[in-house]
C-alpha atoms as a PDB file:
ATOM      1  CA  MET A   1       0.000   0.000   0.000  1.00  0.00           C
ATOM      2  CA  ILE A   2       2.790   2.444   0.883  1.00  0.00           C
ATOM      3  CA  LYS A   3       4.568   1.717  -2.402  1.00  0.00           C
ATOM      4  CA  GLN A   4       1.325   2.237  -4.301  1.00  0.00           C
ATOM      5  CA  LEU A   5       0.717   5.567  -2.561  1.00  0.00           C
ATOM      6  CA  ALA A   6       4.279   6.639  -3.299  1.00  0.00           C
ATOM      7  CA  ALA A   7       3.741   5.761  -6.937  1.00  0.00           C
ATOM      8  CA  THR A   8       0.669   8.024  -7.085  1.00  0.00           C
ATOM      9  CA  LEU A   9       2.982  11.027  -6.709  1.00  0.00           C
ATOM     10  CA  TYR A  10       3.939  10.620 -10.369  1.00  0.00           C
ATOM     11  CA  SER A  11       1.711   7.936 -11.906  1.00  0.00           C
ATOM     12  CA  ASN A  12      -1.947   8.174 -12.941  1.00  0.00           C
ATOM     13  CA  LYS A  13      -1.989   4.400 -13.328  1.00  0.00           C
ATOM     14  CA  ALA A  14      -1.151   4.040  -9.629  1.00  0.00           C
ATOM     15  CA  ILE A  15      -4.069   6.306  -8.730  1.00  0.00           C
ATOM     16  CA  PHE A  16      -6.505   4.223 -10.785  1.00  0.00           C
ATOM     17  CA  SER A  17      -5.182   1.060  -9.136  1.00  0.00           C
ATOM     18  CA  LEU A  18      -6.315   2.398  -5.748  1.00  0.00           C
ATOM     19  CA  LYS A  19      -9.855   3.406  -6.680  1.00  0.00           C
ATOM     20  CA  GLN A  20     -11.165   0.518  -4.556  1.00  0.00           C
ATOM     21  CA  MET A  21      -9.258   1.681  -1.453  1.00  0.00           C
ATOM     22  CA  ARG A  22     -11.054   0.915   1.796  1.00  0.00           C
ATOM     23  CA  GLY A  23     -13.070   3.743   3.276  1.00  0.00           C
ATOM     24  CA  TRP A  24     -11.142   4.056   6.522  1.00  0.00           C
ATOM     25  CA  LEU A  25      -7.824   4.218   4.648  1.00  0.00           C
ATOM     26  CA  LEU A  26      -9.241   6.870   2.351  1.00  0.00           C
ATOM     27  CA  PHE A  27     -10.361   8.896   5.368  1.00  0.00           C
ATOM     28  CA  LEU A  28      -6.881   8.655   6.902  1.00  0.00           C
ATOM     29  CA  LEU A  29      -5.376   9.828   3.608  1.00  0.00           C
ATOM     30  CA  PHE A  30      -7.847  12.704   3.530  1.00  0.00           C
ATOM     31  CA  ILE A  31      -6.768  13.746   7.041  1.00  0.00           C
ATOM     32  CA  VAL A  32      -3.106  13.516   5.981  1.00  0.00           C
ATOM     33  CA  ASN A  33      -3.868  15.868   3.080  1.00  0.00           C
ATOM     34  CA  VAL A  34      -5.640  18.304   5.397  1.00  0.00           C
ATOM     35  CA  MET A  35      -2.765  18.317   7.885  1.00  0.00           C
ATOM     36  CA  MET A  36      -0.132  18.827   5.172  1.00  0.00           C
ATOM     37  CA  LEU A  37      -2.077  21.777   3.796  1.00  0.00           C
ATOM     38  CA  SER A  38      -2.621  23.178   7.303  1.00  0.00           C
ATOM     39  CA  ALA A  39       0.977  22.779   8.510  1.00  0.00           C
ATOM     40  CA  PRO A  40       2.430  25.914   6.836  1.00  0.00           C
ATOM     41  CA  LEU A  41      -0.429  28.063   8.132  1.00  0.00           C
ATOM     42  CA  ILE A  42       0.022  26.667  11.630  1.00  0.00           C
ATOM     43  CA  GLN A  43       3.766  27.316  11.423  1.00  0.00           C
ATOM     44  CA  ALA A  44       3.177  30.890  10.235  1.00  0.00           C
ATOM     45  CA  ARG A  45       0.736  31.464  13.102  1.00  0.00           C
ATOM     46  CA  ALA A  46       3.175  30.010  15.628  1.00  0.00           C
ATOM     47  CA  ASP A  47       5.972  32.269  14.379  1.00  0.00           C
ATOM     48  CA  ILE A  48       3.982  35.497  14.531  1.00  0.00           C
ATOM     49  CA  THR A  49       5.562  38.314  16.554  1.00  0.00           C
ATOM     50  CA  ALA A  50       4.084  41.246  18.465  1.00  0.00           C
ATOM     51  CA  PRO A  51       5.498  43.873  16.036  1.00  0.00           C
ATOM     52  CA  GLU A  52       3.899  41.979  13.126  1.00  0.00           C
ATOM     53  CA  ILE A  53       0.536  42.059  14.893  1.00  0.00           C
ATOM     54  CA  LEU A  54       0.765  45.746  15.814  1.00  0.00           C
ATOM     55  CA  ASP A  55       1.947  46.731  12.325  1.00  0.00           C
ATOM     56  CA  ARG A  56      -1.298  45.357  10.922  1.00  0.00           C
ATOM     57  CA  PHE A  57      -3.217  48.118  12.723  1.00  0.00           C
ATOM     58  CA  VAL A  58      -2.148  51.682  11.946  1.00  0.00           C
ATOM     59  CA  GLY A  59      -1.726  53.791  15.080  1.00  0.00           C
ATOM     60  CA  LEU A  60      -2.550  50.956  17.461  1.00  0.00           C
ATOM     61  CA  GLU A  61       0.844  50.837  19.189  1.00  0.00           C
ATOM     62  CA  GLU A  62       0.761  54.564  19.971  1.00  0.00           C
ATOM     63  CA  ALA A  63      -2.847  54.355  21.163  1.00  0.00           C
ATOM     64  CA  LEU A  64      -2.122  51.499  23.571  1.00  0.00           C
ATOM     65  CA  LEU A  65       0.994  53.173  24.974  1.00  0.00           C
ATOM     66  CA  GLN A  66      -1.132  56.224  25.672  1.00  0.00           C
ATOM     67  CA  VAL A  67      -4.072  54.506  27.334  1.00  0.00           C
ATOM     68  CA  LEU A  68      -2.597  51.504  29.184  1.00  0.00           C
ATOM     69  CA  PRO A  69      -0.509  53.450  31.767  1.00  0.00           C
ATOM     70  CA  GLU A  70      -3.750  55.151  32.864  1.00  0.00           C
ATOM     71  CA  SER A  71      -5.694  51.902  33.276  1.00  0.00           C
ATOM     72  CA  ASP A  72      -6.506  50.330  36.640  1.00  0.00           C
ATOM     73  CA  CYS A  73      -7.203  46.883  35.148  1.00  0.00           C
ATOM     74  CA  VAL A  74      -5.389  43.675  36.054  1.00  0.00           C
ATOM     75  CA  LEU A  75      -5.445  40.788  33.607  1.00  0.00           C
ATOM     76  CA  GLY A  76      -6.679  37.420  34.780  1.00  0.00           C
ATOM     77  CA  ALA A  77      -9.512  34.981  34.401  1.00  0.00           C
ATOM     78  CA  PRO A  78     -11.478  37.166  34.340  1.00  0.00           C
ATOM     79  CA  MET A  79      -9.820  40.586  34.035  1.00  0.00           C
ATOM     80  CA  VAL A  80     -10.642  42.983  36.866  1.00  0.00           C
ATOM     81  CA  CYS A  81     -11.111  46.745  36.498  1.00  0.00           C
ATOM     82  CA  GLN A  82     -12.100  49.169  39.221  1.00  0.00           C
ATOM     83  CA  THR A  83     -13.605  51.495  36.624  1.00  0.00           C
ATOM     84  CA  PRO A  84     -14.786  50.124  33.262  1.00  0.00           C
ATOM     85  CA  SER A  85     -14.187  52.751  30.604  1.00  0.00           C
ATOM     86  CA  VAL A  86     -14.223  53.662  26.908  1.00  0.00           C
ATOM     87  CA  GLN A  87     -11.901  56.123  25.163  1.00  0.00           C
ATOM     88  CA  GLN A  88     -11.390  57.320  21.586  1.00  0.00           C
ATOM     89  CA  ILE A  89      -7.689  57.397  20.620  1.00  0.00           C
ATOM     90  CA  ASN A  90      -6.075  57.378  17.150  1.00  0.00           C
ATOM     91  CA  GLY A  91      -9.376  56.382  15.563  1.00  0.00           C
ATOM     92  CA  TYR A  92      -9.847  53.384  17.872  1.00  0.00           C
ATOM     93  CA  GLU A  93     -12.610  52.992  20.423  1.00  0.00           C
ATOM     94  CA  ILE A  94     -10.646  51.443  23.312  1.00  0.00           C
ATOM     95  CA  ALA A  95     -12.888  49.761  25.860  1.00  0.00           C
ATOM     96  CA  PHE A  96     -12.154  48.094  29.195  1.00  0.00           C
ATOM     97  CA  LEU A  97     -15.005  45.769  30.199  1.00  0.00           C
ATOM     98  CA  SER A  98     -17.402  48.084  28.344  1.00  0.00           C
ATOM     99  CA  PRO A  99     -19.487  47.609  25.184  1.00  0.00           C
ATOM    100  CA  VAL A 100     -18.222  49.124  21.934  1.00  0.00           C
ATOM    101  CA  THR A 101     -20.307  51.018  19.407  1.00  0.00           C
ATOM    102  CA  THR A 102     -18.043  51.339  16.339  1.00  0.00           C
ATOM    103  CA  GLY A 103     -16.472  48.925  13.859  1.00  0.00           C
ATOM    104  CA  THR A 104     -12.923  49.970  14.722  1.00  0.00           C
ATOM    105  CA  TYR A 105     -12.173  49.152  18.313  1.00  0.00           C
ATOM    106  CA  VAL A 106      -9.858  47.627  20.898  1.00  0.00           C
ATOM    107  CA  LEU A 107     -11.733  45.625  23.514  1.00  0.00           C
ATOM    108  CA  PHE A 108     -10.265  44.337  26.752  1.00  0.00           C
ATOM    109  CA  ASP A 109     -13.076  41.935  27.547  1.00  0.00           C
ATOM    110  CA  ALA A 110     -13.256  39.783  30.649  1.00  0.00           C
ATOM    111  CA  ASN A 111     -11.354  36.883  29.054  1.00  0.00           C
ATOM    112  CA  GLN A 112      -9.983  38.088  25.740  1.00  0.00           C
ATOM    113  CA  PHE A 113      -8.323  40.949  23.906  1.00  0.00           C
ATOM    114  CA  ILE A 114      -9.888  41.926  20.571  1.00  0.00           C
ATOM    115  CA  VAL A 115      -8.792  44.377  17.902  1.00  0.00           C
ATOM    116  CA  GLN A 116     -11.366  44.871  15.157  1.00  0.00           C
ATOM    117  CA  THR A 117     -11.187  47.060  12.055  1.00  0.00           C
ATOM    118  CA  PRO A 118     -13.197  46.924   8.812  1.00  0.00           C
ATOM    119  CA  THR A 119     -10.349  44.941   7.193  1.00  0.00           C
ATOM    120  CA  ASP A 120      -8.675  42.945   9.972  1.00  0.00           C
ATOM    121  CA  LEU A 121      -9.245  41.126  13.232  1.00  0.00           C
ATOM    122  CA  PHE A 122      -7.022  39.916  16.046  1.00  0.00           C
ATOM    123  CA  VAL A 123      -8.182  37.931  19.060  1.00  0.00           C
ATOM    124  CA  GLY A 124      -5.937  36.944  21.957  1.00  0.00           C
ATOM    125  CA  GLY A 125      -6.307  35.560  25.457  1.00  0.00           C
ATOM    126  CA  TYR A 126      -4.947  36.327  28.913  1.00  0.00           C
ATOM    127  CA  GLU A 127      -3.592  32.879  29.790  1.00  0.00           C
ATOM    128  CA  PHE A 128       0.043  33.895  29.315  1.00  0.00           C
ATOM    129  CA  ALA A 129      -0.454  37.455  30.553  1.00  0.00           C
ATOM    130  CA  ASN A 130      -2.154  36.541  33.830  1.00  0.00           C
ATOM    131  CA  ASN A 131      -1.844  38.997  36.758  1.00  0.00           C
ATOM    132  CA  VAL A 132      -0.292  41.709  34.588  1.00  0.00           C
ATOM    133  CA  ALA A 133      -1.366  45.208  35.673  1.00  0.00           C
ATOM    134  CA  LEU A 134      -2.002  47.188  32.507  1.00  0.00           C
ATOM    135  CA  ASN A 135      -0.615  50.377  34.040  1.00  0.00           C
ATOM    136  CA  SER A 136       2.790  48.673  34.150  1.00  0.00           C
ATOM    137  CA  VAL A 137       2.897  48.642  30.356  1.00  0.00           C
ATOM    138  CA  THR A 138       4.714  51.907  29.700  1.00  0.00           C
ATOM    139  CA  THR A 139       7.369  51.057  27.093  1.00  0.00           C
ATOM    140  CA  VAL A 140       7.411  49.595  23.598  1.00  0.00           C
ATOM    141  CA  ASP A 141       9.183  46.472  24.840  1.00  0.00           C
ATOM    142  CA  SER A 142       6.652  45.849  27.607  1.00  0.00           C
ATOM    143  CA  LEU A 143       3.802  46.373  25.131  1.00  0.00           C
ATOM    144  CA  HIS A 144       5.355  43.894  22.723  1.00  0.00           C
ATOM    145  CA  GLY A 145       5.664  41.387  25.557  1.00  0.00           C
ATOM    146  CA  LEU A 146       2.006  41.887  26.470  1.00  0.00           C
ATOM    147  CA  VAL A 147       0.751  41.509  22.891  1.00  0.00           C
ATOM    148  CA  TYR A 148       2.920  38.412  22.389  1.00  0.00           C
ATOM    149  CA  GLY A 149       1.317  36.972  25.530  1.00  0.00           C
ATOM    150  CA  PHE A 150      -2.107  37.666  24.028  1.00  0.00           C
ATOM    151  CA  ALA A 151      -1.068  35.994  20.761  1.00  0.00           C
ATOM    152  CA  THR A 152       0.390  32.935  22.489  1.00  0.00           C
ATOM    153  CA  SER A 153      -2.704  32.521  24.630  1.00  0.00           C
ATOM    154  CA  GLY A 154      -4.915  32.510  21.540  1.00  0.00           C
ATOM    155  CA  ALA A 155      -2.721  30.191  19.471  1.00  0.00           C
ATOM    156  CA  THR A 156      -4.561  26.933  20.256  1.00  0.00           C
ATOM    157  CA  PHE A 157      -7.870  28.442  19.181  1.00  0.00           C
ATOM    158  CA  ASP A 158      -6.298  29.761  15.970  1.00  0.00           C
ATOM    159  CA  PHE A 159      -4.707  26.373  15.223  1.00  0.00           C
ATOM    160  CA  SER A 160      -8.134  24.768  15.531  1.00  0.00           C
ATOM    161  CA  LEU A 161      -9.662  27.327  13.170  1.00  0.00           C
ATOM    162  CA  ILE A 162      -6.910  26.704  10.617  1.00  0.00           C
ATOM    163  CA  VAL A 163      -7.437  22.932  10.635  1.00  0.00           C
ATOM    164  CA  ILE A 164     -11.242  23.201  10.582  1.00  0.00           C
ATOM    165  CA  GLY A 165     -11.124  25.744   7.764  1.00  0.00           C
ATOM    166  CA  GLN A 166      -8.734  23.581   5.739  1.00  0.00           C
ATOM    167  CA  PHE A 167     -10.879  20.504   6.443  1.00  0.00           C
ATOM    168  CA  ILE A 168     -13.968  22.240   5.047  1.00  0.00           C
ATOM    169  CA  GLN A 169     -12.064  23.635   2.072  1.00  0.00           C
ATOM    170  CA  THR A 170     -10.617  20.219   1.220  1.00  0.00           C
ATOM    171  CA  ILE A 171     -14.054  18.612   1.432  1.00  0.00           C
ATOM    172  CA  LEU A 172     -15.319  21.206  -1.046  1.00  0.00           C
ATOM    173  CA  TYR A 173     -12.400  20.529  -3.393  1.00  0.00           C
ATOM    174  CA  VAL A 174     -12.846  16.767  -3.303  1.00  0.00           C
ATOM    175  CA  SER A 175     -16.652  16.788  -3.523  1.00  0.00           C
ATOM    176  CA  THR A 176     -16.841  19.319  -6.341  1.00  0.00           C
ATOM    177  CA  ILE A 177     -14.190  17.681  -8.504  1.00  0.00           C
ATOM    178  CA  SER A 178     -15.630  14.218  -7.839  1.00  0.00           C
ATOM    179  CA  LEU A 179     -19.031  15.413  -9.050  1.00  0.00           C
ATOM    180  CA  MET A 180     -17.404  16.888 -12.153  1.00  0.00           C
ATOM    181  CA  LEU A 181     -15.695  13.571 -12.880  1.00  0.00           C
ATOM    182  CA  LEU A 182     -18.941  11.705 -12.378  1.00  0.00           C
ATOM    183  CA  ILE A 183     -20.935  14.065 -14.600  1.00  0.00           C
ATOM    184  CA  SER A 184     -18.309  14.009 -17.348  1.00  0.00           C
ATOM    185  CA  ASN A 185     -18.498  10.221 -17.467  1.00  0.00           C
ATOM    186  CA  TYR A 186     -22.273  10.013 -16.975  1.00  0.00           C
ATOM    187  CA  ARG A 187     -23.125   9.119 -20.573  1.00  0.00           C
ATOM    188  CA  SER A 188     -20.497   6.418 -20.867  1.00  0.00           C
ATOM    189  CA  LYS A 189     -21.951   2.921 -21.205  1.00  0.00           C
ATOM    190  CA  VAL A 190     -18.810   1.081 -20.105  1.00  0.00           C
ATOM    191  CA  LYS A 191     -16.315   1.443 -17.291  1.00  0.00           C
ATOM    192  CA  LYS A 192     -18.394   4.131 -15.642  1.00  0.00           C
ATOM    193  CA  ILE A 193     -16.996   5.196 -12.236  1.00  0.00           C
ATOM    194  CA  THR A 194     -19.161   5.566  -9.186  1.00  0.00           C
ATOM    195  CA  PHE A 195     -19.199   8.609  -6.948  1.00  0.00           C
ATOM    196  CA  SER A 196     -17.266   6.728  -4.246  1.00  0.00           C
ATOM    197  CA  GLN A 197     -14.588   5.816  -6.793  1.00  0.00           C
ATOM    198  CA  ALA A 198     -14.442   9.428  -7.948  1.00  0.00           C
ATOM    199  CA  LEU A 199     -13.944  10.483  -4.322  1.00  0.00           C
ATOM    200  CA  ARG A 200     -11.079   8.043  -4.035  1.00  0.00           C
ATOM    201  CA  LEU A 201      -9.426   9.285  -7.224  1.00  0.00           C
ATOM    202  CA  THR A 202      -9.637  12.963  -6.257  1.00  0.00           C
ATOM    203  CA  THR A 203      -8.431  12.334  -2.699  1.00  0.00           C
ATOM    204  CA  ILE A 204      -5.504  10.143  -3.749  1.00  0.00           C
ATOM    205  CA  ALA A 205      -4.542  12.583  -6.512  1.00  0.00           C
ATOM    206  CA  MET A 206      -4.334  15.355  -3.913  1.00  0.00           C
ATOM    207  CA  LEU A 207      -1.501  13.635  -2.012  1.00  0.00           C
ATOM    208  CA  GLY A 208       1.348  14.823  -4.246  1.00  0.00           C
ATOM    209  CA  PRO A 209       0.259  18.479  -4.568  1.00  0.00           C
ATOM    210  CA  ALA A 210      -0.506  18.674  -0.822  1.00  0.00           C
ATOM    211  CA  LEU A 211       2.892  17.218   0.072  1.00  0.00           C
ATOM    212  CA  PHE A 212       4.818  19.539  -2.256  1.00  0.00           C
ATOM    213  CA  SER A 213       2.886  22.686  -1.345  1.00  0.00           C
ATOM    214  CA  GLY A 214       3.276  21.793   2.334  1.00  0.00           C
ATOM    215  CA  PHE A 215       7.065  21.930   1.988  1.00  0.00           C
ATOM    216  CA  ILE A 216       6.867  25.148  -0.036  1.00  0.00           C
ATOM    217  CA  GLY A 217       4.634  26.653   2.649  1.00  0.00           C
ATOM    218  CA  PHE A 218       7.376  26.553   5.260  1.00  0.00           C
ATOM    219  CA  ILE A 219       9.285  28.948   3.003  1.00  0.00           C
ATOM    220  CA  GLU A 220       6.444  31.106   1.671  1.00  0.00           C
ATOM    221  CA  VAL A 221       2.834  30.571   2.766  1.00  0.00           C
ATOM    222  CA  THR A 222       1.213  32.560  -0.042  1.00  0.00           C
ATOM    223  CA  LEU A 223       3.210  30.736  -2.697  1.00  0.00           C
ATOM    224  CA  ALA A 224       2.146  27.400  -1.206  1.00  0.00           C
ATOM    225  CA  GLY A 225      -1.505  28.119  -1.934  1.00  0.00           C
ATOM    226  CA  ILE A 226      -0.738  29.003  -5.556  1.00  0.00           C
ATOM    227  CA  VAL A 227       1.441  25.912  -5.967  1.00  0.00           C
ATOM    228  CA  PHE A 228      -1.251  23.630  -4.574  1.00  0.00           C
ATOM    229  CA  ILE A 229      -4.049  24.993  -6.766  1.00  0.00           C
ATOM    230  CA  THR A 230      -1.864  24.838  -9.880  1.00  0.00           C
ATOM    231  CA  MET A 231      -0.495  21.341  -9.258  1.00  0.00           C
ATOM    232  CA  TYR A 232      -3.835  19.878  -8.179  1.00  0.00           C
ATOM    233  CA  SER A 233      -5.682  21.410 -11.149  1.00  0.00           C
ATOM    234  CA  LEU A 234      -3.099  20.058 -13.595  1.00  0.00           C
ATOM    235  CA  ARG A 235      -3.115  16.650 -11.909  1.00  0.00           C
ATOM    236  CA  MET A 236      -6.877  16.390 -12.107  1.00  0.00           C
ATOM    237  CA  MET A 237      -6.832  17.551 -15.727  1.00  0.00           C
ATOM    238  CA  TYR A 238      -4.426  14.757 -16.674  1.00  0.00           C
ATOM    239  CA  LEU A 239      -6.406  12.311 -14.572  1.00  0.00           C
ATOM    240  CA  TYR A 240      -9.593  13.335 -16.348  1.00  0.00           C
ATOM    241  CA  LEU A 241      -7.960  12.954 -19.759  1.00  0.00           C
ATOM    242  CA  ALA A 242      -6.670   9.514 -18.818  1.00  0.00           C
ATOM    243  CA  LEU A 243     -10.104   8.459 -17.579  1.00  0.00           C
ATOM    244  CA  PHE A 244     -11.884   9.900 -20.605  1.00  0.00           C
ATOM    245  CA  SER A 245      -9.433   8.320 -23.013  1.00  0.00           C
ATOM    246  CA  LYS A 246      -9.818   4.925 -21.347  1.00  0.00           C
ATOM    247  CA  THR A 247     -13.602   5.183 -21.442  1.00  0.00           C
ATOM    248  CA  LYS A 248     -13.661   6.329 -25.058  1.00  0.00           C
ATOM    249  CA  GLU A 249     -11.335   3.530 -26.136  1.00  0.00           C
ATOM    250  CA  SER A 250     -13.437   0.908 -24.349  1.00  0.00           C
ATOM    251  CA  SER A 251     -16.632   2.314 -25.868  1.00  0.00           C
ATOM    252  CA  SER A 252     -15.246   2.084 -29.392  1.00  0.00           C
ATOM    253  CA  GLN A 253     -14.475  -1.575 -28.870  1.00  0.00           C
END
């Protein structure tokens, strides 16, 4: 089985030979594909730094350095503030345990830190910033340490979102292309594939592109997505041509 899977990286014939693969093995292969496609995104999220986060939001660093030294809040589970408050600084509505009314805000909620703008969102937790008094954050370095603590606390949640999002996206890829294969071969009277066989072909064919783009993703995440789409589209095109040619040849006989 391992040799056959290895052969699918370069051989359409090897893919067709596995179209009767058992369901549980196919599911495991599907999960492997999802994890390989998710790995670069998880790595990129794990490597994120506080300056990278703050640079995404214009004026946020200056706004926080202005408002935090005046705060009486202490982070924890939950955060405690003697006086919940809301201020407008640098275009941000900065709220401490208070509701916000605009689409561009910084919210220190009871259990999470949220920055929301019309084009971006960051959510962090307090787990690795527990018992930090916000009025002690008076320098750029201390602010970076605080934001990194927020980012680290929210990493597990973000990892889950990445995997779930990739899982759903991969299901859409496999289901859509399998339906296209099935429809394209619908009128054939011989060697017609079933939907389950089409699922197997599209899932197995994804292994090579997912593996290659996963390696590329550790170098450049954006490029990995382009590489995967290109390689998988080309692979499925050749697979379709091979299937169509085989069906046409059999029909003529």
